[in-house]
Amino acid sequence: MAHDGHEKNDSIFKIGINLTLACLLSGGIIAATYAVTEPVAAQERINLKNKAMVELVAEAQDFKPIAGKTDWYTAMKDGKVIAYVVPAETKGYGGAIKMVTAISPEGKVMDYKILQHNETPGLGDKASEPKFKNQFAGKSTEDLEVVKVPTDKNIQALTGATITSRAVTKGIKEAVEEVVAYAASQNK
């Protein structure tokens, strides 16, 4: 009888050692994969952001980073600021929605591009389609309110995706408010 108990303890010990080795090996593989792929992914994020800036302000000749503001850029043409390109992030139905917004020096929305989201396919992901996006062009903060009944002044919610509509609008509105405050501080 004592011999059987000793074998059971040996068996549990061996299983524990094997599980530990498997966990260490798996962790090592995951860490090595991350170390190899993360620089590539970081460069891809930069490329995606740069491409988005060019799409948002096509007439810009140059984009200059704004000192003291992370990922803020001025879009320049003939030495004049024609837009501010700033990041915006908000919480949608499926989690964080990361965007880049182009805002005129007068504080009006020019355009935006969603870089990352987890919204419901066929509903919330329509926030990146022209029918919804085009509602934002030329609007200032007081016009950035989501409504269910269409008007010329506000943003009509996406059918079945009111949370996403409000989230995108809120993120853009906050970006506009930050740009207006920044532009006012620069004009003093």
N, C-alpha and C. Protein backbone atom coordinates (compact mmCIF):
# COMPACT_ATOMS: atom_id res chain seq x y z
N MET A 1 0.82 -1.19 0.00
CA MET A 1 0.00 0.00 0.00
C MET A 1 0.86 1.26 0.00
N ALA A 2 1.88 1.29 0.83
CA ALA A 2 2.74 2.47 0.89
C ALA A 2 3.42 2.71 -0.43
N HIS A 3 3.74 1.64 -1.14
CA HIS A 3 4.38 1.76 -2.42
C HIS A 3 3.48 2.47 -3.44
N ASP A 4 2.14 2.21 -3.45
CA ASP A 4 1.20 2.85 -4.36
C ASP A 4 1.10 4.36 -4.09
N GLY A 5 1.07 4.75 -2.84
CA GLY A 5 1.00 6.17 -2.48
C GLY A 5 2.23 6.92 -2.95
N HIS A 6 3.39 6.28 -2.86
CA HIS A 6 4.62 6.91 -3.30
C HIS A 6 4.61 7.13 -4.81
N GLU A 7 4.08 6.13 -5.55
CA GLU A 7 3.98 6.28 -7.01
C GLU A 7 3.02 7.40 -7.39
N LYS A 8 1.89 7.52 -6.61
CA LYS A 8 0.94 8.60 -6.88
C LYS A 8 1.59 9.96 -6.69
N ASN A 9 2.36 10.09 -5.60
CA ASN A 9 3.06 11.35 -5.36
C ASN A 9 4.06 11.65 -6.45
N ASP A 10 4.78 10.60 -6.91
CA ASP A 10 5.71 10.77 -8.02
C ASP A 10 4.99 11.23 -9.28
N SER A 11 3.83 10.64 -9.54
CA SER A 11 3.07 10.96 -10.73
C SER A 11 2.60 12.43 -10.68
N ILE A 12 2.09 12.86 -9.54
CA ILE A 12 1.64 14.26 -9.41
C ILE A 12 2.83 15.21 -9.56
N PHE A 13 3.96 14.83 -8.98
CA PHE A 13 5.16 15.65 -9.09
C PHE A 13 5.61 15.77 -10.56
N LYS A 14 5.58 14.63 -11.27
CA LYS A 14 5.99 14.64 -12.69
C LYS A 14 5.03 15.49 -13.52
N ILE A 15 3.74 15.38 -13.24
CA ILE A 15 2.76 16.18 -13.98
C ILE A 15 3.00 17.67 -13.72
N GLY A 16 3.27 18.00 -12.46
CA GLY A 16 3.55 19.39 -12.12
C GLY A 16 4.77 19.93 -12.84
N ILE A 17 5.83 19.11 -12.88
CA ILE A 17 7.06 19.52 -13.59
C ILE A 17 6.78 19.69 -15.08
N ASN A 18 6.05 18.75 -15.65
CA ASN A 18 5.75 18.84 -17.09
C ASN A 18 4.90 20.07 -17.41
N LEU A 19 3.91 20.36 -16.58
CA LEU A 19 3.10 21.56 -16.81
C LEU A 19 3.93 22.83 -16.69
N THR A 20 4.81 22.85 -15.71
CA THR A 20 5.67 24.03 -15.54
C THR A 20 6.57 24.22 -16.75
N LEU A 21 7.17 23.13 -17.22
CA LEU A 21 8.03 23.23 -18.42
C LEU A 21 7.23 23.67 -19.64
N ALA A 22 6.00 23.14 -19.78
CA ALA A 22 5.16 23.53 -20.91
C ALA A 22 4.82 25.02 -20.83
N CYS A 23 4.52 25.50 -19.63
CA CYS A 23 4.21 26.92 -19.48
C CYS A 23 5.43 27.79 -19.79
N LEU A 24 6.59 27.40 -19.31
CA LEU A 24 7.80 28.17 -19.58
C LEU A 24 8.12 28.19 -21.07
N LEU A 25 8.00 27.03 -21.71
CA LEU A 25 8.25 26.95 -23.15
C LEU A 25 7.26 27.81 -23.93
N SER A 26 5.97 27.72 -23.58
CA SER A 26 4.95 28.53 -24.26
C SER A 26 5.20 30.02 -24.05
N GLY A 27 5.52 30.40 -22.82
CA GLY A 27 5.82 31.80 -22.54
C GLY A 27 7.02 32.29 -23.33
N GLY A 28 8.04 31.46 -23.45
CA GLY A 28 9.22 31.82 -24.22
C GLY A 28 8.90 32.02 -25.69
N ILE A 29 8.08 31.14 -26.23
CA ILE A 29 7.69 31.25 -27.65
C ILE A 29 6.88 32.52 -27.87
N ILE A 30 5.94 32.80 -26.97
CA ILE A 30 5.12 34.02 -27.11
C ILE A 30 6.00 35.27 -26.99
N ALA A 31 6.92 35.28 -26.05
CA ALA A 31 7.81 36.44 -25.88
C ALA A 31 8.69 36.64 -27.11
N ALA A 32 9.22 35.56 -27.66
CA ALA A 32 10.07 35.67 -28.86
C ALA A 32 9.26 36.16 -30.05
N THR A 33 8.06 35.66 -30.20
CA THR A 33 7.19 36.10 -31.31
C THR A 33 6.87 37.58 -31.17
N TYR A 34 6.57 38.02 -29.94
CA TYR A 34 6.27 39.44 -29.71
C TYR A 34 7.48 40.30 -30.02
N ALA A 35 8.67 39.85 -29.59
CA ALA A 35 9.89 40.62 -29.83
C ALA A 35 10.16 40.79 -31.33
N VAL A 36 9.83 39.79 -32.12
CA VAL A 36 10.06 39.87 -33.56
C VAL A 36 8.97 40.70 -34.24
N THR A 37 7.71 40.53 -33.85
CA THR A 37 6.62 41.17 -34.59
C THR A 37 6.29 42.59 -34.12
N GLU A 38 6.58 42.95 -32.89
CA GLU A 38 6.19 44.27 -32.38
C GLU A 38 6.82 45.42 -33.16
N PRO A 39 8.12 45.39 -33.46
CA PRO A 39 8.66 46.51 -34.27
C PRO A 39 7.99 46.63 -35.64
N VAL A 40 7.65 45.52 -36.23
CA VAL A 40 6.95 45.56 -37.52
C VAL A 40 5.56 46.15 -37.34
N ALA A 41 4.87 45.74 -36.29
CA ALA A 41 3.53 46.26 -36.03
C ALA A 41 3.58 47.75 -35.71
N ALA A 42 4.58 48.19 -34.96
CA ALA A 42 4.72 49.61 -34.63
C ALA A 42 4.94 50.43 -35.89
N GLN A 43 5.79 49.95 -36.79
CA GLN A 43 6.03 50.66 -38.04
C GLN A 43 4.77 50.68 -38.89
N GLU A 44 4.01 49.62 -38.88
CA GLU A 44 2.77 49.57 -39.64
C GLU A 44 1.75 50.58 -39.09
N ARG A 45 1.70 50.74 -37.77
CA ARG A 45 0.80 51.74 -37.17
C ARG A 45 1.20 53.15 -37.62
N ILE A 46 2.50 53.42 -37.65
CA ILE A 46 2.98 54.74 -38.10
C ILE A 46 2.62 54.96 -39.56
N ASN A 47 2.83 53.95 -40.38
CA ASN A 47 2.49 54.06 -41.81
C ASN A 47 1.00 54.31 -42.00
N LEU A 48 0.19 53.61 -41.23
CA LEU A 48 -1.26 53.76 -41.32
C LEU A 48 -1.68 55.18 -40.92
N LYS A 49 -1.07 55.71 -39.86
CA LYS A 49 -1.39 57.06 -39.40
C LYS A 49 -0.96 58.09 -40.44
N ASN A 50 0.25 57.92 -41.01
CA ASN A 50 0.73 58.86 -42.04
C ASN A 50 -0.16 58.83 -43.27
N LYS A 51 -0.57 57.64 -43.67
CA LYS A 51 -1.47 57.51 -44.83
C LYS A 51 -2.81 58.19 -44.53
N ALA A 52 -3.30 58.01 -43.30
CA ALA A 52 -4.58 58.63 -42.91
C ALA A 52 -4.47 60.15 -42.96
N MET A 53 -3.34 60.71 -42.51
CA MET A 53 -3.18 62.17 -42.53
C MET A 53 -3.23 62.69 -43.96
N VAL A 54 -2.56 62.00 -44.86
CA VAL A 54 -2.55 62.43 -46.27
C VAL A 54 -3.95 62.33 -46.86
N GLU A 55 -4.69 61.28 -46.50
CA GLU A 55 -6.06 61.14 -47.00
C GLU A 55 -6.98 62.23 -46.46
N LEU A 56 -6.78 62.59 -45.21
CA LEU A 56 -7.67 63.58 -44.58
C LEU A 56 -7.43 64.99 -45.09
N VAL A 57 -6.18 65.34 -45.33
CA VAL A 57 -5.84 66.70 -45.79
C VAL A 57 -4.98 66.54 -47.04
N ALA A 58 -5.62 66.21 -48.13
CA ALA A 58 -4.91 65.90 -49.37
C ALA A 58 -4.15 67.09 -49.92
N GLU A 59 -4.65 68.32 -49.68
CA GLU A 59 -3.98 69.50 -50.23
C GLU A 59 -2.76 69.94 -49.42
N ALA A 60 -2.50 69.29 -48.30
CA ALA A 60 -1.34 69.67 -47.48
C ALA A 60 -0.04 69.30 -48.18
N GLN A 61 0.93 70.20 -48.04
CA GLN A 61 2.25 69.95 -48.62
C GLN A 61 3.19 69.30 -47.61
N ASP A 62 2.89 69.53 -46.33
CA ASP A 62 3.77 69.01 -45.28
C ASP A 62 2.97 68.86 -43.98
N PHE A 63 3.38 67.90 -43.16
CA PHE A 63 2.79 67.73 -41.84
C PHE A 63 3.91 67.92 -40.82
N LYS A 64 3.70 68.85 -39.90
CA LYS A 64 4.72 69.12 -38.89
C LYS A 64 4.19 68.74 -37.52
N PRO A 65 4.97 67.99 -36.74
CA PRO A 65 4.52 67.65 -35.39
C PRO A 65 4.45 68.90 -34.52
N ILE A 66 3.48 68.90 -33.62
CA ILE A 66 3.30 70.03 -32.70
C ILE A 66 4.03 69.69 -31.41
N ALA A 67 4.92 70.58 -31.01
CA ALA A 67 5.71 70.36 -29.80
C ALA A 67 4.80 70.31 -28.57
N GLY A 68 5.03 69.33 -27.74
CA GLY A 68 4.27 69.21 -26.50
C GLY A 68 2.96 68.48 -26.62
N LYS A 69 2.60 68.08 -27.82
CA LYS A 69 1.34 67.36 -28.05
C LYS A 69 1.67 66.04 -28.75
N THR A 70 1.32 64.96 -28.12
CA THR A 70 1.61 63.64 -28.68
C THR A 70 0.71 63.36 -29.88
N ASP A 71 1.34 63.05 -31.00
CA ASP A 71 0.66 62.69 -32.26
C ASP A 71 -0.21 63.80 -32.82
N TRP A 72 0.05 65.03 -32.47
CA TRP A 72 -0.63 66.18 -33.07
C TRP A 72 0.25 66.71 -34.19
N TYR A 73 -0.39 67.07 -35.32
CA TYR A 73 0.35 67.60 -36.46
C TYR A 73 -0.39 68.81 -37.02
N THR A 74 0.37 69.72 -37.61
CA THR A 74 -0.23 70.78 -38.40
C THR A 74 -0.05 70.39 -39.85
N ALA A 75 -1.10 70.56 -40.61
CA ALA A 75 -1.04 70.34 -42.05
C ALA A 75 -0.74 71.68 -42.67
N MET A 76 0.37 71.77 -43.38
CA MET A 76 0.85 73.04 -43.92
C MET A 76 0.70 73.10 -45.44
N LYS A 77 0.36 74.31 -45.91
CA LYS A 77 0.35 74.56 -47.35
C LYS A 77 0.82 75.99 -47.56
N ASP A 78 1.84 76.16 -48.37
CA ASP A 78 2.43 77.47 -48.65
C ASP A 78 2.78 78.21 -47.35
N GLY A 79 3.26 77.48 -46.37
CA GLY A 79 3.69 78.07 -45.11
C GLY A 79 2.56 78.40 -44.15
N LYS A 80 1.32 78.09 -44.51
CA LYS A 80 0.17 78.37 -43.64
C LYS A 80 -0.39 77.08 -43.09
N VAL A 81 -0.90 77.18 -41.87
CA VAL A 81 -1.60 76.03 -41.27
C VAL A 81 -2.98 75.94 -41.90
N ILE A 82 -3.25 74.82 -42.55
CA ILE A 82 -4.58 74.66 -43.15
C ILE A 82 -5.42 73.66 -42.36
N ALA A 83 -4.79 72.92 -41.45
CA ALA A 83 -5.56 71.97 -40.62
C ALA A 83 -4.68 71.48 -39.48
N TYR A 84 -5.36 71.01 -38.45
CA TYR A 84 -4.70 70.29 -37.37
C TYR A 84 -5.15 68.84 -37.50
N VAL A 85 -4.20 67.94 -37.43
CA VAL A 85 -4.53 66.51 -37.48
C VAL A 85 -4.19 65.94 -36.11
N VAL A 86 -5.22 65.49 -35.40
CA VAL A 86 -5.04 65.05 -34.02
C VAL A 86 -5.68 63.68 -33.81
N PRO A 87 -5.14 62.93 -32.85
CA PRO A 87 -5.77 61.63 -32.54
C PRO A 87 -7.02 61.84 -31.70
N ALA A 88 -7.93 60.91 -31.81
CA ALA A 88 -9.13 60.91 -30.96
C ALA A 88 -9.40 59.47 -30.57
N GLU A 89 -9.78 59.29 -29.33
CA GLU A 89 -10.10 57.95 -28.87
C GLU A 89 -11.35 58.03 -28.02
N THR A 90 -12.22 57.07 -28.21
CA THR A 90 -13.46 57.04 -27.45
C THR A 90 -13.85 55.59 -27.21
N LYS A 91 -14.83 55.40 -26.37
CA LYS A 91 -15.27 54.04 -26.06
C LYS A 91 -16.59 53.77 -26.77
N GLY A 92 -16.57 52.82 -27.66
CA GLY A 92 -17.77 52.45 -28.39
C GLY A 92 -18.44 51.23 -27.80
N TYR A 93 -19.30 50.61 -28.57
CA TYR A 93 -20.01 49.41 -28.11
C TYR A 93 -19.06 48.25 -27.87
N GLY A 94 -18.07 48.10 -28.74
CA GLY A 94 -17.16 46.96 -28.64
C GLY A 94 -15.81 47.30 -28.01
N GLY A 95 -15.67 48.47 -27.44
CA GLY A 95 -14.40 48.86 -26.84
C GLY A 95 -13.89 50.15 -27.43
N ALA A 96 -12.58 50.32 -27.36
CA ALA A 96 -11.97 51.57 -27.81
C ALA A 96 -12.10 51.75 -29.32
N ILE A 97 -12.39 52.98 -29.71
CA ILE A 97 -12.39 53.37 -31.12
C ILE A 97 -11.30 54.41 -31.26
N LYS A 98 -10.27 54.10 -32.06
CA LYS A 98 -9.16 55.02 -32.26
C LYS A 98 -9.29 55.67 -33.63
N MET A 99 -9.19 57.00 -33.63
CA MET A 99 -9.39 57.75 -34.86
C MET A 99 -8.31 58.80 -35.03
N VAL A 100 -8.23 59.33 -36.23
CA VAL A 100 -7.44 60.52 -36.53
C VAL A 100 -8.42 61.51 -37.12
N THR A 101 -8.39 62.75 -36.61
CA THR A 101 -9.33 63.75 -37.09
C THR A 101 -8.58 64.93 -37.69
N ALA A 102 -9.15 65.49 -38.71
CA ALA A 102 -8.60 66.72 -39.31
C ALA A 102 -9.56 67.84 -38.97
N ILE A 103 -9.03 68.90 -38.38
CA ILE A 103 -9.85 70.01 -37.92
C ILE A 103 -9.24 71.30 -38.47
N SER A 104 -10.10 72.16 -38.99
CA SER A 104 -9.62 73.42 -39.58
C SER A 104 -9.14 74.36 -38.48
N PRO A 105 -8.32 75.35 -38.82
CA PRO A 105 -7.89 76.33 -37.82
C PRO A 105 -9.06 77.09 -37.20
N GLU A 106 -10.20 77.12 -37.89
CA GLU A 106 -11.38 77.78 -37.36
C GLU A 106 -12.19 76.89 -36.42
N GLY A 107 -11.74 75.66 -36.21
CA GLY A 107 -12.42 74.76 -35.28
C GLY A 107 -13.57 73.99 -35.88
N LYS A 108 -13.49 73.70 -37.16
CA LYS A 108 -14.55 72.92 -37.81
C LYS A 108 -13.97 71.57 -38.27
N VAL A 109 -14.80 70.55 -38.18
CA VAL A 109 -14.38 69.21 -38.58
C VAL A 109 -14.20 69.18 -40.09
N MET A 110 -13.07 68.66 -40.53
CA MET A 110 -12.84 68.48 -41.96
C MET A 110 -13.15 67.03 -42.34
N ASP A 111 -12.61 66.09 -41.58
CA ASP A 111 -12.82 64.67 -41.87
C ASP A 111 -12.22 63.87 -40.72
N TYR A 112 -12.51 62.61 -40.70
CA TYR A 112 -11.87 61.71 -39.73
C TYR A 112 -11.70 60.34 -40.35
N LYS A 113 -10.83 59.58 -39.76
CA LYS A 113 -10.60 58.21 -40.21
C LYS A 113 -10.47 57.34 -38.97
N ILE A 114 -11.21 56.24 -38.97
CA ILE A 114 -11.14 55.29 -37.86
C ILE A 114 -9.97 54.35 -38.14
N LEU A 115 -9.04 54.29 -37.19
CA LEU A 115 -7.86 53.44 -37.35
C LEU A 115 -8.05 52.06 -36.74
N GLN A 116 -8.83 52.00 -35.66
CA GLN A 116 -8.99 50.72 -34.96
C GLN A 116 -10.32 50.73 -34.21
N HIS A 117 -11.06 49.63 -34.30
CA HIS A 117 -12.30 49.49 -33.56
C HIS A 117 -12.68 48.02 -33.44
N ASN A 118 -13.62 47.75 -32.58
CA ASN A 118 -14.19 46.40 -32.42
C ASN A 118 -15.70 46.47 -32.46
N GLU A 119 -16.23 47.36 -33.28
CA GLU A 119 -17.68 47.53 -33.35
C GLU A 119 -18.31 46.37 -34.14
N THR A 120 -19.60 46.22 -33.97
CA THR A 120 -20.33 45.12 -34.60
C THR A 120 -20.29 45.24 -36.12
N PRO A 121 -19.85 44.19 -36.81
CA PRO A 121 -19.86 44.23 -38.27
C PRO A 121 -21.29 44.42 -38.81
N GLY A 122 -21.42 45.29 -39.78
CA GLY A 122 -22.73 45.54 -40.38
C GLY A 122 -23.53 46.60 -39.64
N LEU A 123 -23.13 46.97 -38.46
CA LEU A 123 -23.84 48.01 -37.71
C LEU A 123 -22.84 49.13 -37.34
N GLY A 124 -22.10 48.93 -36.27
CA GLY A 124 -21.18 49.95 -35.79
C GLY A 124 -20.04 50.23 -36.73
N ASP A 125 -19.63 49.25 -37.51
CA ASP A 125 -18.51 49.51 -38.41
C ASP A 125 -18.89 50.43 -39.56
N LYS A 126 -20.18 50.76 -39.68
CA LYS A 126 -20.61 51.72 -40.71
C LYS A 126 -20.21 53.16 -40.37
N ALA A 127 -19.65 53.36 -39.19
CA ALA A 127 -19.21 54.70 -38.80
C ALA A 127 -18.07 55.18 -39.69
N SER A 128 -17.42 54.29 -40.39
CA SER A 128 -16.33 54.70 -41.27
C SER A 128 -16.78 54.86 -42.72
N GLU A 129 -18.08 54.67 -42.97
CA GLU A 129 -18.59 54.82 -44.35
C GLU A 129 -18.94 56.28 -44.64
N PRO A 130 -18.83 56.68 -45.91
CA PRO A 130 -19.06 58.08 -46.28
C PRO A 130 -20.42 58.62 -45.86
N LYS A 131 -21.47 57.81 -45.90
CA LYS A 131 -22.81 58.31 -45.56
C LYS A 131 -22.83 58.88 -44.14
N PHE A 132 -22.14 58.24 -43.21
CA PHE A 132 -22.09 58.75 -41.84
C PHE A 132 -21.01 59.81 -41.71
N LYS A 133 -19.84 59.57 -42.27
CA LYS A 133 -18.71 60.49 -42.13
C LYS A 133 -19.01 61.87 -42.69
N ASN A 134 -19.69 61.91 -43.83
CA ASN A 134 -19.91 63.19 -44.50
C ASN A 134 -20.76 64.15 -43.68
N GLN A 135 -21.48 63.63 -42.68
CA GLN A 135 -22.30 64.50 -41.83
C GLN A 135 -21.43 65.44 -40.98
N PHE A 136 -20.18 65.07 -40.75
CA PHE A 136 -19.31 65.82 -39.84
C PHE A 136 -18.64 67.02 -40.51
N ALA A 137 -18.50 66.98 -41.81
CA ALA A 137 -17.75 68.01 -42.52
C ALA A 137 -18.32 69.40 -42.27
N GLY A 138 -17.46 70.30 -41.82
CA GLY A 138 -17.84 71.69 -41.62
C GLY A 138 -18.56 71.98 -40.32
N LYS A 139 -18.72 70.98 -39.48
CA LYS A 139 -19.46 71.19 -38.23
C LYS A 139 -18.51 71.62 -37.10
N SER A 140 -19.03 72.49 -36.24
CA SER A 140 -18.28 72.90 -35.06
C SER A 140 -18.88 72.19 -33.84
N THR A 141 -18.34 72.45 -32.67
CA THR A 141 -18.73 71.66 -31.49
C THR A 141 -20.22 71.71 -31.18
N GLU A 142 -20.84 72.88 -31.35
CA GLU A 142 -22.27 72.97 -31.02
C GLU A 142 -23.16 72.13 -31.94
N ASP A 143 -22.65 71.77 -33.11
CA ASP A 143 -23.43 70.95 -34.05
C ASP A 143 -23.15 69.46 -33.89
N LEU A 144 -22.23 69.10 -33.03
CA LEU A 144 -21.85 67.69 -32.89
C LEU A 144 -22.68 67.02 -31.79
N GLU A 145 -23.92 66.77 -32.14
CA GLU A 145 -24.84 66.08 -31.24
C GLU A 145 -25.59 65.03 -32.06
N VAL A 146 -25.68 63.83 -31.51
CA VAL A 146 -26.34 62.73 -32.23
C VAL A 146 -27.84 62.82 -32.01
N VAL A 147 -28.59 62.74 -33.10
CA VAL A 147 -30.05 62.74 -33.06
C VAL A 147 -30.57 61.55 -33.86
N LYS A 148 -31.80 61.15 -33.56
CA LYS A 148 -32.39 60.04 -34.32
C LYS A 148 -33.22 60.54 -35.50
N VAL A 149 -33.70 61.80 -35.40
CA VAL A 149 -34.46 62.40 -36.49
C VAL A 149 -33.50 63.30 -37.26
N PRO A 150 -33.41 63.12 -38.57
CA PRO A 150 -32.43 63.89 -39.35
C PRO A 150 -32.67 65.40 -39.31
N THR A 151 -31.56 66.13 -39.16
CA THR A 151 -31.58 67.58 -39.29
C THR A 151 -30.31 67.96 -40.05
N ASP A 152 -30.24 69.22 -40.44
CA ASP A 152 -29.04 69.68 -41.14
C ASP A 152 -27.91 69.99 -40.17
N LYS A 153 -28.27 70.29 -38.92
CA LYS A 153 -27.28 70.77 -37.98
C LYS A 153 -26.58 69.67 -37.19
N ASN A 154 -27.25 68.57 -36.94
CA ASN A 154 -26.69 67.56 -36.06
C ASN A 154 -26.27 66.31 -36.82
N ILE A 155 -25.88 65.29 -36.06
CA ILE A 155 -25.42 64.02 -36.64
C ILE A 155 -26.52 62.99 -36.46
N GLN A 156 -26.99 62.42 -37.57
CA GLN A 156 -28.01 61.38 -37.47
C GLN A 156 -27.34 60.06 -37.10
N ALA A 157 -27.91 59.39 -36.10
CA ALA A 157 -27.35 58.12 -35.62
C ALA A 157 -27.45 57.04 -36.69
N LEU A 158 -26.49 56.14 -36.66
CA LEU A 158 -26.54 54.96 -37.53
C LEU A 158 -27.66 54.05 -37.04
N THR A 159 -28.41 53.47 -37.94
CA THR A 159 -29.48 52.55 -37.55
C THR A 159 -28.88 51.34 -36.86
N GLY A 160 -29.34 51.09 -35.65
CA GLY A 160 -28.87 49.93 -34.88
C GLY A 160 -27.51 50.11 -34.24
N ALA A 161 -26.96 51.31 -34.32
CA ALA A 161 -25.62 51.54 -33.75
C ALA A 161 -25.56 52.93 -33.11
N THR A 162 -26.53 53.21 -32.26
CA THR A 162 -26.57 54.52 -31.61
C THR A 162 -25.38 54.72 -30.69
N ILE A 163 -24.97 53.66 -30.00
CA ILE A 163 -23.82 53.78 -29.08
C ILE A 163 -22.57 54.14 -29.87
N THR A 164 -22.35 53.47 -30.98
CA THR A 164 -21.19 53.79 -31.82
C THR A 164 -21.28 55.21 -32.35
N SER A 165 -22.47 55.60 -32.80
CA SER A 165 -22.66 56.96 -33.33
C SER A 165 -22.31 58.01 -32.28
N ARG A 166 -22.82 57.80 -31.09
CA ARG A 166 -22.52 58.74 -30.01
C ARG A 166 -21.05 58.73 -29.64
N ALA A 167 -20.45 57.55 -29.62
CA ALA A 167 -19.04 57.45 -29.25
C ALA A 167 -18.15 58.18 -30.26
N VAL A 168 -18.38 57.94 -31.53
CA VAL A 168 -17.57 58.60 -32.56
C VAL A 168 -17.76 60.11 -32.49
N THR A 169 -19.00 60.54 -32.35
CA THR A 169 -19.29 61.97 -32.27
C THR A 169 -18.63 62.59 -31.04
N LYS A 170 -18.70 61.89 -29.92
CA LYS A 170 -18.08 62.40 -28.69
C LYS A 170 -16.57 62.54 -28.85
N GLY A 171 -15.94 61.51 -29.44
CA GLY A 171 -14.49 61.56 -29.65
C GLY A 171 -14.08 62.71 -30.55
N ILE A 172 -14.84 62.93 -31.61
CA ILE A 172 -14.52 64.03 -32.53
C ILE A 172 -14.77 65.38 -31.87
N LYS A 173 -15.87 65.46 -31.13
CA LYS A 173 -16.19 66.72 -30.44
C LYS A 173 -15.09 67.09 -29.45
N GLU A 174 -14.59 66.12 -28.71
CA GLU A 174 -13.50 66.38 -27.76
C GLU A 174 -12.24 66.84 -28.49
N ALA A 175 -11.97 66.22 -29.64
CA ALA A 175 -10.80 66.62 -30.42
C ALA A 175 -10.95 68.06 -30.90
N VAL A 176 -12.14 68.42 -31.36
CA VAL A 176 -12.38 69.79 -31.83
C VAL A 176 -12.19 70.77 -30.67
N GLU A 177 -12.73 70.44 -29.51
CA GLU A 177 -12.58 71.33 -28.35
C GLU A 177 -11.11 71.52 -27.98
N GLU A 178 -10.34 70.45 -28.04
CA GLU A 178 -8.91 70.56 -27.72
C GLU A 178 -8.19 71.43 -28.74
N VAL A 179 -8.52 71.26 -30.01
CA VAL A 179 -7.87 72.06 -31.05
C VAL A 179 -8.26 73.53 -30.91
N VAL A 180 -9.51 73.82 -30.63
CA VAL A 180 -9.96 75.21 -30.47
C VAL A 180 -9.20 75.85 -29.30
N ALA A 181 -9.06 75.12 -28.20
CA ALA A 181 -8.32 75.65 -27.04
C ALA A 181 -6.85 75.85 -27.39
N TYR A 182 -6.27 74.91 -28.11
CA TYR A 182 -4.86 75.03 -28.50
C TYR A 182 -4.68 76.22 -29.45
N ALA A 183 -5.54 76.33 -30.46
CA ALA A 183 -5.42 77.43 -31.44
C ALA A 183 -5.58 78.77 -30.74
N ALA A 184 -6.49 78.85 -29.79
CA ALA A 184 -6.69 80.12 -29.05
C ALA A 184 -5.44 80.47 -28.24
N SER A 185 -4.81 79.46 -27.67
CA SER A 185 -3.59 79.73 -26.88
C SER A 185 -2.43 80.17 -27.78
N GLN A 186 -2.43 79.75 -29.03
CA GLN A 186 -1.37 80.12 -29.96
C GLN A 186 -1.56 81.53 -30.51
N ASN A 187 -2.79 82.02 -30.50
CA ASN A 187 -3.08 83.34 -31.06
C ASN A 187 -2.91 84.46 -30.04
N LYS A 188 -2.58 84.12 -28.80
CA LYS A 188 -2.43 85.16 -27.76
C LYS A 188 -1.15 85.92 -27.95
